[in-house]
Amino acid sequence: MEKDNLIKVAEVAERLGITKMGVYGMVFKNKIPAVKISRRCLRFRYSDIEEWLEKKSQKGNGRKNNK
């Protein structure tokens, strides 16, 4: 897939292993980069999602171990 292709919510959900509603929730909380095409249409740049995943995997899950 080309890096600048726009992908749909369902494709992001599948890539992340979560539901579409989970993706919408992440967008609402500004936790994932999205492109708002119109009032009811969201898309994601493939390259942005891959970069976001790479950063997340480098940081871990963002939780601190309190052992």
C-alpha atoms as a PDB file:
ATOM      1  CA  MET A   1       0.000   0.000   0.000  1.00  0.00           C
ATOM      2  CA  GLU A   2       1.284   3.480  -0.827  1.00  0.00           C
ATOM      3  CA  LYS A   3       2.254   5.569   2.166  1.00  0.00           C
ATOM      4  CA  ASP A   4      -0.098   8.471   1.424  1.00  0.00           C
ATOM      5  CA  ASN A   5      -3.193   6.364   0.791  1.00  0.00           C
ATOM      6  CA  LEU A   6      -6.192   7.220   2.923  1.00  0.00           C
ATOM      7  CA  ILE A   7      -7.730   4.286   4.739  1.00  0.00           C
ATOM      8  CA  LYS A   8     -11.122   3.827   6.396  1.00  0.00           C
ATOM      9  CA  VAL A   9     -12.048   3.398  10.043  1.00  0.00           C
ATOM     10  CA  ALA A  10     -12.707  -0.316   9.511  1.00  0.00           C
ATOM     11  CA  GLU A  11      -9.204  -0.813   8.117  1.00  0.00           C
ATOM     12  CA  VAL A  12      -7.628   0.971  11.084  1.00  0.00           C
ATOM     13  CA  ALA A  13      -9.760  -1.065  13.486  1.00  0.00           C
ATOM     14  CA  GLU A  14      -8.630  -4.282  11.839  1.00  0.00           C
ATOM     15  CA  ARG A  15      -4.989  -3.176  11.902  1.00  0.00           C
ATOM     16  CA  LEU A  16      -5.220  -2.348  15.614  1.00  0.00           C
ATOM     17  CA  GLY A  17      -7.369  -5.345  16.532  1.00  0.00           C
ATOM     18  CA  ILE A  18     -10.136  -3.199  18.016  1.00  0.00           C
ATOM     19  CA  THR A  19     -13.692  -2.256  17.091  1.00  0.00           C
ATOM     20  CA  LYS A  20     -14.662   0.657  14.870  1.00  0.00           C
ATOM     21  CA  MET A  21     -16.205   2.313  17.935  1.00  0.00           C
ATOM     22  CA  GLY A  22     -12.846   1.975  19.663  1.00  0.00           C
ATOM     23  CA  VAL A  23     -11.201   3.844  16.792  1.00  0.00           C
ATOM     24  CA  TYR A  24     -13.863   6.582  16.939  1.00  0.00           C
ATOM     25  CA  GLY A  25     -13.228   6.896  20.678  1.00  0.00           C
ATOM     26  CA  MET A  26      -9.499   7.277  20.120  1.00  0.00           C
ATOM     27  CA  VAL A  27     -10.126   9.973  17.503  1.00  0.00           C
ATOM     28  CA  PHE A  28     -12.508  11.799  19.854  1.00  0.00           C
ATOM     29  CA  LYS A  29      -9.800  11.780  22.562  1.00  0.00           C
ATOM     30  CA  ASN A  30      -7.121  12.879  20.047  1.00  0.00           C
ATOM     31  CA  LYS A  31      -5.121   9.707  20.688  1.00  0.00           C
ATOM     32  CA  ILE A  32      -4.722   8.756  17.034  1.00  0.00           C
ATOM     33  CA  PRO A  33      -4.053  10.918  13.946  1.00  0.00           C
ATOM     34  CA  ALA A  34      -7.078  11.272  11.662  1.00  0.00           C
ATOM     35  CA  VAL A  35      -8.217  13.315   8.673  1.00  0.00           C
ATOM     36  CA  LYS A  36     -11.735  14.679   8.884  1.00  0.00           C
ATOM     37  CA  ILE A  37     -13.026  14.669   5.292  1.00  0.00           C
ATOM     38  CA  SER A  38     -16.489  15.950   6.173  1.00  0.00           C
ATOM     39  CA  ARG A  39     -18.825  16.083   9.129  1.00  0.00           C
ATOM     40  CA  ARG A  40     -19.484  12.344   8.923  1.00  0.00           C
ATOM     41  CA  CYS A  41     -16.401  11.021   7.154  1.00  0.00           C
ATOM     42  CA  LEU A  42     -13.065  10.128   8.745  1.00  0.00           C
ATOM     43  CA  ARG A  43     -10.019   8.768   7.010  1.00  0.00           C
ATOM     44  CA  PHE A  44      -6.501   8.008   8.115  1.00  0.00           C
ATOM     45  CA  ARG A  45      -3.213   8.363   6.279  1.00  0.00           C
ATOM     46  CA  TYR A  46      -1.630   4.932   6.109  1.00  0.00           C
ATOM     47  CA  SER A  47       1.790   6.433   6.819  1.00  0.00           C
ATOM     48  CA  ASP A  48       0.474   8.314   9.887  1.00  0.00           C
ATOM     49  CA  ILE A  49      -0.966   5.131  11.367  1.00  0.00           C
ATOM     50  CA  GLU A  50       2.242   3.192  10.757  1.00  0.00           C
ATOM     51  CA  GLU A  51       4.336   5.968  12.365  1.00  0.00           C
ATOM     52  CA  TRP A  52       1.909   6.184  15.285  1.00  0.00           C
ATOM     53  CA  LEU A  53       2.146   2.416  15.813  1.00  0.00           C
ATOM     54  CA  GLU A  54       5.939   2.552  15.663  1.00  0.00           C
ATOM     55  CA  LYS A  55       6.049   5.297  18.298  1.00  0.00           C
ATOM     56  CA  LYS A  56       3.605   3.402  20.496  1.00  0.00           C
ATOM     57  CA  SER A  57       5.652   0.209  20.265  1.00  0.00           C
ATOM     58  CA  GLN A  58       8.826   2.116  21.208  1.00  0.00           C
ATOM     59  CA  LYS A  59       7.137   3.710  24.233  1.00  0.00           C
ATOM     60  CA  GLY A  60       5.502   0.484  25.341  1.00  0.00           C
ATOM     61  CA  ASN A  61       1.903   0.725  26.429  1.00  0.00           C
ATOM     62  CA  GLY A  62       2.354   4.013  28.292  1.00  0.00           C
ATOM     63  CA  ARG A  63       1.673   2.488  31.704  1.00  0.00           C
ATOM     64  CA  LYS A  64       4.091   2.626  34.579  1.00  0.00           C
ATOM     65  CA  ASN A  65       4.860  -0.475  36.578  1.00  0.00           C
ATOM     66  CA  ASN A  66       4.182   0.204  40.231  1.00  0.00           C
ATOM     67  CA  LYS A  67       5.840  -2.900  41.660  1.00  0.00           C
END
